[in-house]
Amino acid sequence: MTLKKKIVLLTLAACSCLFMLCACGARPDAEEEAKKQGATVEVILDLNGGVSSGKTERKLLLKPSSPLALPWDHSDLINPPDKSGYVLEGWYTGQTDEEGNVVFSEKWDFSVPVTENMTLYAKWQQRFAYKIVDAASGETIRYVYCSAGAAFDTSDAAAPTVQKKTFLRYYRDSAMTTLWDKSFTHPGFPAGVTEENAEDADYEVPVYAHYLEGNYKKVYTANDLVAAAANYYLIGDENGEIDCSSLTKWTPKAKFTGNFLGNGVTIKNLVCNWKDLPAGDPAGIGLLFRNLQDAQISGVKFQNCTLNVTYTVSPKSGAVIGVGILSGRAQGATVKDVSFEQCAVNMKVAKNDSNEPVAHLAYEETGGSAALWCDRASDGENNNDTVRVSGEIAVVYQNEI
């Protein structure tokens, strides 16, 4: 480390220590030093019944017209104020009455420069809580402490992490029949209950969290569908749809071995344009997948989706390229409650040396279903018993380019 860097670091450390000493009020000489550097405006933080690192009051020295910075926001040595059973609502100007009670005035805006000495008072509110409960096991996962009137944060980012599980949704009941109302706010104590006679349950509002075993990518939009993941759980928009019109260069997933849980969501306006495969490529061509290996696909609807395939490169002798609107090939896959409406497969393929098409549509190989290719050599069964076609799958199959 260069001498210049050492000097800079030592200077920063000295300034930090000076600020902390002033904040703690532990060394008068530190205050004098701060005043010599121009910090002449005094701010008293009256914790109003709270405690911060054993103190009930904090004194800060600032340069005139500087914004106020709370000391615990800048140091691990000073703890934020705490008051048992309460949460800090904010800092206020005000004064104390004859009995020592604080009469609050205006809430302090920390972006406003401080120009004169003043005292700020901590305002506390009764600590209530949202109790997050695992809907499946009934176990309490976490308490989220809040004040009365506070909303519950339903974002994915705020959801508690549970090992080997994926958070899905919040519900009002353990049976998961009623989704959590995002506009709900904590009511405080129930009617007739006060701090004097309240029990633990009177402070809490239960929120039931639905977790899914395993790690899943939650799919809200078409871009989420593009992201690579081992498992997918579809959520869609407020209408339960995922509009894929924006995916102009969609590429189906090459080899999928996980779970694709559609949750009744509709994938609409997805278009896949595919041209050529390397000679002897074992995978097929599908709208969503190329090759399913021991995968599970369930509860998804396709609407107005199109698979366009042009194949001009002849593979090695004996190779077969499978084409299906869901998947080009499937081995040991389970497909349930998958439906198609107004979807299309358009194929243009070359012929090999034996004058046979080098690609085969799943429509011909599975007895009339263009939905899914089934590799009958692997298990001898057509695994798409619950694949439904409503409306029409238009198939254009041209053997010569």
Protein backbone atom coordinates (compact mmCIF):
# COMPACT_ATOMS: atom_id res chain seq x y z
CA MET A 1 0.00 0.00 0.00
CA THR A 2 1.36 3.43 -0.95
CA LEU A 3 2.09 6.09 1.65
CA LYS A 4 -0.57 8.33 0.10
CA LYS A 5 -3.23 5.64 0.47
CA LYS A 6 -2.21 5.02 4.08
CA ILE A 7 -2.55 8.70 4.90
CA VAL A 8 -6.02 8.83 3.29
CA LEU A 9 -7.21 5.76 5.20
CA LEU A 10 -5.87 7.06 8.50
CA THR A 11 -7.56 10.41 7.92
CA LEU A 12 -10.92 8.74 7.17
CA ALA A 13 -10.59 6.54 10.25
CA ALA A 14 -9.82 9.55 12.42
CA CYS A 15 -12.84 11.45 11.10
CA SER A 16 -15.08 8.43 11.67
CA CYS A 17 -13.88 8.05 15.24
CA LEU A 18 -14.35 11.74 15.86
CA PHE A 19 -17.94 11.58 14.64
CA MET A 20 -18.72 8.57 16.79
CA LEU A 21 -17.27 10.10 19.90
CA CYS A 22 -19.37 13.17 19.38
CA ALA A 23 -22.44 11.01 18.79
CA CYS A 24 -21.83 9.03 21.96
CA GLY A 25 -21.02 12.08 24.04
CA ALA A 26 -18.18 10.11 25.64
CA ARG A 27 -15.25 12.50 25.19
CA PRO A 28 -15.62 16.29 25.61
CA ASP A 29 -12.25 16.80 23.88
CA ALA A 30 -13.66 15.11 20.78
CA GLU A 31 -16.53 17.59 20.78
CA GLU A 32 -14.07 20.44 21.02
CA GLU A 33 -12.12 19.04 18.11
CA ALA A 34 -15.32 18.75 16.07
CA LYS A 35 -16.16 22.38 16.86
CA LYS A 36 -12.70 23.44 15.68
CA GLN A 37 -13.56 21.79 12.34
CA GLY A 38 -16.72 23.87 12.03
CA ALA A 39 -19.30 21.55 13.65
CA THR A 40 -21.12 24.09 15.79
CA VAL A 41 -24.81 23.15 15.45
CA GLU A 42 -26.04 20.86 18.24
CA VAL A 43 -28.82 18.30 17.72
CA ILE A 44 -30.20 16.31 20.64
CA LEU A 45 -31.90 13.00 19.85
CA ASP A 46 -34.27 12.32 22.74
CA LEU A 47 -35.06 8.60 22.57
CA ASN A 48 -38.27 9.17 24.55
CA GLY A 49 -38.24 5.93 26.49
CA GLY A 50 -36.06 4.05 24.05
CA VAL A 51 -32.45 2.96 24.45
CA SER A 52 -29.49 3.03 22.05
CA SER A 53 -26.32 1.24 23.18
CA GLY A 54 -27.29 1.86 26.80
CA LYS A 55 -28.09 5.56 26.33
CA THR A 56 -31.45 7.33 26.38
CA GLU A 57 -30.18 10.42 24.56
CA ARG A 58 -27.74 11.18 21.75
CA LYS A 59 -25.97 14.46 20.99
CA LEU A 60 -24.68 15.27 17.51
CA LEU A 61 -22.55 18.14 16.28
CA LEU A 62 -23.00 19.30 12.69
CA LYS A 63 -21.60 21.93 10.42
CA PRO A 64 -24.20 24.67 9.78
CA SER A 65 -26.63 23.93 6.92
CA SER A 66 -25.66 20.25 6.79
CA PRO A 67 -28.36 17.55 6.60
CA LEU A 68 -28.77 15.37 9.67
CA ALA A 69 -27.37 11.83 9.54
CA LEU A 70 -28.32 9.37 12.27
CA PRO A 71 -25.23 7.89 13.96
CA TRP A 72 -26.37 4.24 13.85
CA ASP A 73 -26.68 4.48 10.08
CA HIS A 74 -22.91 4.92 9.85
CA SER A 75 -21.43 2.83 12.62
CA ASP A 76 -21.55 -0.72 13.90
CA LEU A 77 -20.65 0.68 17.34
CA ILE A 78 -23.98 2.44 17.86
CA ASN A 79 -27.21 0.43 17.88
CA PRO A 80 -30.50 1.85 16.55
CA PRO A 81 -32.89 2.87 19.33
CA ASP A 82 -35.18 0.18 20.71
CA LYS A 83 -38.15 0.18 23.03
CA SER A 84 -39.62 -3.11 24.17
CA GLY A 85 -43.03 -3.73 22.63
CA TYR A 86 -42.81 -0.76 20.26
CA VAL A 87 -41.53 0.22 16.83
CA LEU A 88 -40.03 3.59 15.96
CA GLU A 89 -42.48 5.60 13.85
CA GLY A 90 -40.17 8.58 13.26
CA TRP A 91 -38.44 11.66 14.67
CA TYR A 92 -40.36 14.82 15.50
CA THR A 93 -39.80 18.35 16.66
CA GLY A 94 -41.74 19.26 19.79
CA GLN A 95 -41.41 19.92 23.50
CA THR A 96 -42.11 18.33 26.85
CA ASP A 97 -45.03 19.36 29.05
CA GLU A 98 -44.99 19.92 32.81
CA GLU A 99 -45.30 16.19 33.47
CA GLY A 100 -42.42 15.35 31.16
CA ASN A 101 -44.57 13.97 28.35
CA VAL A 102 -43.54 14.82 24.81
CA VAL A 103 -45.87 17.03 22.78
CA PHE A 104 -45.00 16.29 19.16
CA SER A 105 -45.00 18.96 16.48
CA GLU A 106 -43.79 18.12 12.94
CA LYS A 107 -42.06 15.01 11.62
CA TRP A 108 -38.48 15.79 10.68
CA ASP A 109 -37.46 15.63 7.02
CA PHE A 110 -33.87 14.37 6.95
CA SER A 111 -33.19 16.01 3.60
CA VAL A 112 -33.61 19.46 5.19
CA PRO A 113 -30.35 21.17 6.26
CA VAL A 114 -29.98 21.89 9.98
CA THR A 115 -29.33 25.57 10.63
CA GLU A 116 -29.76 25.88 14.40
CA ASN A 117 -29.66 23.89 17.60
CA MET A 118 -32.68 21.67 18.12
CA THR A 119 -34.05 18.58 19.83
CA LEU A 120 -35.77 15.74 17.99
CA TYR A 121 -38.01 13.29 19.84
CA ALA A 122 -38.50 9.64 18.97
CA LYS A 123 -42.14 8.73 18.40
CA TRP A 124 -43.04 5.12 19.21
CA GLN A 125 -45.99 2.99 18.19
CA GLN A 126 -47.22 -0.22 19.75
CA ARG A 127 -45.39 -3.13 18.15
CA PHE A 128 -47.75 -5.42 16.30
CA ALA A 129 -46.81 -8.21 13.92
CA TYR A 130 -47.71 -10.25 10.91
CA LYS A 131 -47.06 -13.91 11.68
CA ILE A 132 -46.00 -15.80 8.54
CA VAL A 133 -47.11 -19.44 8.78
CA ASP A 134 -46.24 -22.32 6.45
CA ALA A 135 -49.71 -23.27 5.19
CA ALA A 136 -48.72 -26.91 4.68
CA SER A 137 -46.99 -27.63 8.00
CA GLY A 138 -48.60 -24.99 10.23
CA GLU A 139 -45.16 -23.94 11.48
CA THR A 140 -44.40 -20.28 12.16
CA ILE A 141 -41.68 -19.11 9.77
CA ARG A 142 -41.19 -15.49 10.80
CA TYR A 143 -42.68 -12.50 12.62
CA VAL A 144 -42.74 -9.23 10.70
CA TYR A 145 -43.08 -6.49 13.31
CA CYS A 146 -44.97 -3.36 12.40
CA SER A 147 -47.22 -0.62 13.70
CA ALA A 148 -51.00 -0.54 13.52
CA GLY A 149 -52.15 0.45 10.05
CA ALA A 150 -49.11 -1.01 8.30
CA ALA A 151 -49.56 -3.12 5.15
CA PHE A 152 -47.89 -6.48 4.65
CA ASP A 153 -45.13 -6.68 2.03
CA THR A 154 -46.21 -9.42 -0.41
CA SER A 155 -43.26 -9.11 -2.79
CA ASP A 156 -41.18 -12.17 -3.66
CA ALA A 157 -38.06 -10.37 -2.45
CA ALA A 158 -39.49 -10.00 1.08
CA ALA A 159 -40.69 -13.60 1.36
CA PRO A 160 -38.79 -15.74 3.89
CA THR A 161 -36.40 -18.22 2.35
CA VAL A 162 -37.12 -21.85 3.19
CA GLN A 163 -34.46 -24.35 2.24
CA LYS A 164 -35.32 -26.54 -0.78
CA LYS A 165 -38.71 -24.82 -1.20
CA THR A 166 -40.07 -22.10 -3.47
CA PHE A 167 -42.43 -19.43 -2.19
CA LEU A 168 -45.57 -19.11 -4.32
CA ARG A 169 -48.33 -17.00 -2.72
CA TYR A 170 -49.80 -15.68 0.51
CA TYR A 171 -53.30 -16.61 1.73
CA ARG A 172 -55.66 -15.48 4.47
CA ASP A 173 -56.46 -19.05 5.53
CA SER A 174 -54.50 -22.25 6.10
CA ALA A 175 -56.66 -24.09 3.55
CA MET A 176 -55.39 -21.60 0.92
CA THR A 177 -58.85 -20.79 -0.41
CA THR A 178 -58.57 -16.98 -0.14
CA LEU A 179 -55.60 -15.05 -1.51
CA TRP A 180 -54.09 -12.36 0.68
CA ASP A 181 -55.61 -8.92 0.12
CA LYS A 182 -52.71 -6.56 -0.64
CA SER A 183 -54.75 -3.57 0.56
CA PHE A 184 -55.17 -5.07 4.04
CA THR A 185 -53.57 -3.15 6.91
CA HIS A 186 -52.88 -4.28 10.45
CA PRO A 187 -55.94 -3.38 12.57
CA GLY A 188 -54.05 -3.12 15.86
CA PHE A 189 -55.75 -4.58 18.92
CA PRO A 190 -59.09 -6.34 18.43
CA ALA A 191 -62.15 -4.57 19.79
CA GLY A 192 -62.20 -4.49 23.60
CA VAL A 193 -58.49 -5.35 23.91
CA THR A 194 -55.93 -2.94 25.35
CA GLU A 195 -52.26 -3.15 26.17
CA GLU A 196 -53.15 -4.00 29.77
CA ASN A 197 -55.21 -7.12 28.96
CA ALA A 198 -53.72 -8.14 25.60
CA GLU A 199 -52.38 -11.64 24.99
CA ASP A 200 -49.69 -12.57 22.47
CA ALA A 201 -52.23 -13.53 19.81
CA ASP A 202 -53.86 -10.09 20.03
CA TYR A 203 -50.73 -8.51 18.55
CA GLU A 204 -50.53 -10.89 15.60
CA VAL A 205 -52.24 -11.27 12.25
CA PRO A 206 -51.49 -14.66 10.63
CA VAL A 207 -50.42 -14.78 6.99
CA TYR A 208 -50.34 -18.23 5.38
CA ALA A 209 -47.51 -18.81 2.94
CA HIS A 210 -47.72 -21.43 0.20
CA TYR A 211 -44.39 -23.11 -0.52
CA LEU A 212 -43.66 -25.66 -3.22
CA GLU A 213 -41.18 -28.44 -2.62
CA GLY A 214 -38.07 -27.90 -4.76
CA ASN A 215 -36.53 -24.91 -6.49
CA TYR A 216 -38.64 -23.35 -9.24
CA LYS A 217 -38.40 -20.40 -11.58
CA LYS A 218 -41.60 -18.38 -11.19
CA VAL A 219 -42.78 -17.25 -14.62
CA TYR A 220 -44.77 -14.01 -14.77
CA THR A 221 -43.76 -12.78 -18.24
CA ALA A 222 -42.37 -14.08 -21.52
CA ASN A 223 -38.86 -13.04 -20.47
CA ASP A 224 -39.12 -15.23 -17.38
CA LEU A 225 -39.93 -18.11 -19.71
CA VAL A 226 -36.67 -17.53 -21.57
CA ALA A 227 -34.55 -17.77 -18.41
CA ALA A 228 -32.85 -21.14 -17.94
CA ALA A 229 -34.02 -23.15 -14.93
CA ALA A 230 -34.39 -26.73 -13.76
CA ASN A 231 -38.10 -26.30 -12.93
CA TYR A 232 -40.75 -23.77 -13.89
CA TYR A 233 -43.94 -22.63 -12.17
CA LEU A 234 -46.20 -20.44 -14.33
CA ILE A 235 -48.08 -17.51 -12.77
CA GLY A 236 -48.65 -15.13 -15.68
CA ASP A 237 -50.33 -11.74 -15.53
CA GLU A 238 -53.55 -10.77 -13.74
CA ASN A 239 -55.49 -12.73 -16.38
CA GLY A 240 -53.40 -15.87 -15.96
CA GLU A 241 -51.75 -15.39 -19.36
CA ILE A 242 -48.22 -15.11 -20.71
CA ASP A 243 -48.15 -13.15 -23.96
CA CYS A 244 -45.07 -14.13 -25.96
CA SER A 245 -45.52 -11.66 -28.82
CA SER A 246 -42.27 -9.96 -27.80
CA LEU A 247 -40.17 -13.11 -28.23
CA THR A 248 -39.02 -12.63 -31.81
CA LYS A 249 -36.10 -15.08 -31.53
CA TRP A 250 -37.54 -17.81 -29.33
CA THR A 251 -35.51 -21.02 -29.04
CA PRO A 252 -37.09 -24.13 -27.49
CA LYS A 253 -35.32 -25.74 -24.55
CA ALA A 254 -32.91 -28.36 -25.85
CA LYS A 255 -33.24 -31.11 -23.23
CA PHE A 256 -35.69 -30.68 -20.39
CA THR A 257 -35.62 -33.09 -17.44
CA GLY A 258 -37.49 -31.14 -14.75
CA ASN A 259 -41.05 -30.09 -13.89
CA PHE A 260 -43.01 -27.55 -15.89
CA LEU A 261 -46.09 -26.70 -13.81
CA GLY A 262 -48.47 -24.58 -15.85
CA ASN A 263 -50.90 -23.81 -13.00
CA GLY A 264 -53.66 -23.36 -15.59
CA VAL A 265 -51.83 -20.46 -17.25
CA THR A 266 -52.22 -19.78 -20.99
CA ILE A 267 -49.13 -19.28 -23.17
CA LYS A 268 -50.25 -17.24 -26.16
CA ASN A 269 -48.75 -15.89 -29.38
CA LEU A 270 -45.55 -17.92 -29.13
CA VAL A 271 -43.83 -18.42 -32.49
CA CYS A 272 -40.85 -20.70 -33.07
CA ASN A 273 -38.97 -20.49 -36.37
CA TRP A 274 -36.50 -23.33 -36.83
CA LYS A 275 -34.22 -24.07 -39.74
CA ASP A 276 -31.95 -27.10 -40.05
CA LEU A 277 -30.24 -29.33 -37.53
CA PRO A 278 -26.73 -30.80 -37.51
CA ALA A 279 -26.51 -34.20 -39.16
CA GLY A 280 -27.51 -36.89 -36.70
CA ASP A 281 -28.83 -34.49 -34.04
CA PRO A 282 -30.74 -36.78 -31.62
CA ALA A 283 -33.13 -34.07 -30.43
CA GLY A 284 -36.33 -33.14 -32.14
CA ILE A 285 -37.99 -29.82 -32.78
CA GLY A 286 -40.89 -28.55 -30.69
CA LEU A 287 -42.56 -25.28 -29.90
CA LEU A 288 -41.55 -25.30 -26.23
CA PHE A 289 -39.09 -28.18 -25.94
CA ARG A 290 -36.84 -30.13 -28.26
CA ASN A 291 -36.43 -33.19 -26.09
CA LEU A 292 -38.22 -34.27 -22.91
CA GLN A 293 -36.35 -36.74 -20.71
CA ASP A 294 -38.31 -38.01 -17.68
CA ALA A 295 -39.91 -34.57 -17.44
CA GLN A 296 -43.34 -33.62 -16.10
CA ILE A 297 -45.50 -31.13 -17.98
CA SER A 298 -48.89 -30.21 -16.56
CA GLY A 299 -51.65 -27.62 -16.47
CA VAL A 300 -50.66 -25.39 -19.37
CA LYS A 301 -52.70 -24.04 -22.27
CA PHE A 302 -51.40 -22.91 -25.66
CA GLN A 303 -53.32 -20.38 -27.70
CA ASN A 304 -52.51 -18.99 -31.15
CA CYS A 305 -49.02 -20.49 -31.18
CA THR A 306 -47.09 -21.47 -34.31
CA LEU A 307 -44.17 -23.80 -35.04
CA ASN A 308 -42.43 -23.21 -38.37
CA VAL A 309 -39.84 -25.80 -39.42
CA THR A 310 -37.67 -25.75 -42.52
CA TYR A 311 -35.24 -28.62 -42.83
CA THR A 312 -32.84 -28.63 -45.74
CA VAL A 313 -29.85 -30.61 -44.45
CA SER A 314 -30.15 -34.38 -44.81
CA PRO A 315 -29.02 -36.27 -41.68
CA LYS A 316 -27.05 -39.47 -41.68
CA SER A 317 -28.80 -42.53 -43.03
CA GLY A 318 -31.49 -43.82 -40.68
CA ALA A 319 -31.77 -40.64 -38.60
CA VAL A 320 -35.25 -39.38 -37.80
CA ILE A 321 -36.06 -35.83 -36.74
CA GLY A 322 -39.23 -35.66 -34.65
CA VAL A 323 -41.45 -32.61 -34.77
CA GLY A 324 -44.29 -31.87 -32.35
CA ILE A 325 -45.96 -28.69 -31.29
CA LEU A 326 -45.07 -29.26 -27.62
CA SER A 327 -41.87 -31.28 -27.97
CA GLY A 328 -39.88 -32.88 -30.75
CA ARG A 329 -39.20 -36.03 -28.73
CA ALA A 330 -40.21 -37.41 -25.35
CA GLN A 331 -38.81 -40.32 -23.39
CA GLY A 332 -40.39 -41.29 -20.08
CA ALA A 333 -42.21 -37.95 -19.92
CA THR A 334 -45.53 -37.33 -18.19
CA VAL A 335 -47.89 -34.83 -19.81
CA LYS A 336 -51.17 -33.94 -18.11
CA ASP A 337 -53.86 -31.32 -18.70
CA VAL A 338 -52.17 -29.66 -21.65
CA SER A 339 -54.40 -28.11 -24.29
CA PHE A 340 -54.01 -26.32 -27.61
CA GLU A 341 -56.28 -23.82 -29.27
CA GLN A 342 -55.78 -22.40 -32.77
CA CYS A 343 -52.17 -23.53 -33.02
CA ALA A 344 -50.28 -24.43 -36.19
CA VAL A 345 -47.35 -26.52 -37.40
CA ASN A 346 -45.81 -25.60 -40.73
CA MET A 347 -43.17 -27.99 -42.10
CA LYS A 348 -41.00 -27.93 -45.17
CA VAL A 349 -38.50 -30.76 -45.34
CA ALA A 350 -35.99 -32.21 -47.79
CA LYS A 351 -35.67 -35.89 -48.74
CA ASN A 352 -32.76 -38.19 -48.11
CA ASP A 353 -30.99 -40.46 -50.58
CA SER A 354 -33.84 -42.96 -50.34
CA ASN A 355 -36.29 -40.27 -51.37
CA GLU A 356 -37.89 -40.29 -47.90
CA PRO A 357 -38.63 -37.22 -45.80
CA VAL A 358 -35.80 -36.56 -43.36
CA ALA A 359 -38.22 -35.28 -40.71
CA HIS A 360 -41.37 -36.85 -39.33
CA LEU A 361 -44.25 -34.97 -37.82
CA ALA A 362 -45.57 -36.30 -34.52
CA TYR A 363 -49.02 -36.06 -36.09
CA GLU A 364 -48.25 -39.10 -38.25
CA GLU A 365 -46.29 -41.09 -35.69
CA THR A 366 -48.72 -40.99 -32.74
CA GLY A 367 -52.02 -41.76 -34.37
CA GLY A 368 -53.28 -38.29 -35.08
CA SER A 369 -51.88 -36.06 -32.33
CA ALA A 370 -49.68 -33.22 -33.43
CA ALA A 371 -49.24 -32.20 -29.82
CA LEU A 372 -46.37 -34.37 -28.64
CA TRP A 373 -43.82 -36.67 -30.18
CA CYS A 374 -43.60 -39.98 -28.30
CA ASP A 375 -40.48 -42.06 -28.74
CA ARG A 376 -42.25 -45.40 -28.91
CA ALA A 377 -38.99 -47.29 -28.99
CA SER A 378 -38.29 -46.21 -25.41
CA ASP A 379 -41.45 -47.24 -23.58
CA GLY A 380 -43.96 -48.37 -26.18
CA GLU A 381 -46.61 -45.96 -24.94
CA ASN A 382 -48.13 -42.73 -26.09
CA ASN A 383 -47.80 -40.49 -23.03
CA ASN A 384 -50.18 -37.77 -24.13
CA ASP A 385 -53.48 -39.25 -23.01
CA THR A 386 -54.50 -36.00 -21.33
CA VAL A 387 -53.33 -33.71 -24.11
CA ARG A 388 -56.41 -32.01 -25.50
CA VAL A 389 -56.83 -30.16 -28.75
CA SER A 390 -59.60 -27.59 -28.72
CA GLY A 391 -60.24 -25.55 -31.80
CA GLU A 392 -57.75 -26.66 -34.39
CA ILE A 393 -54.07 -27.44 -34.96
CA ALA A 394 -53.43 -26.54 -38.55
CA VAL A 395 -50.76 -28.75 -40.10
CA VAL A 396 -48.98 -27.99 -43.34
CA TYR A 397 -46.59 -30.79 -44.28
CA GLN A 398 -44.59 -30.36 -47.46
CA ASN A 399 -42.06 -33.09 -48.35
CA GLU A 400 -40.02 -31.09 -50.82
CA ILE A 401 -38.49 -27.65 -50.57
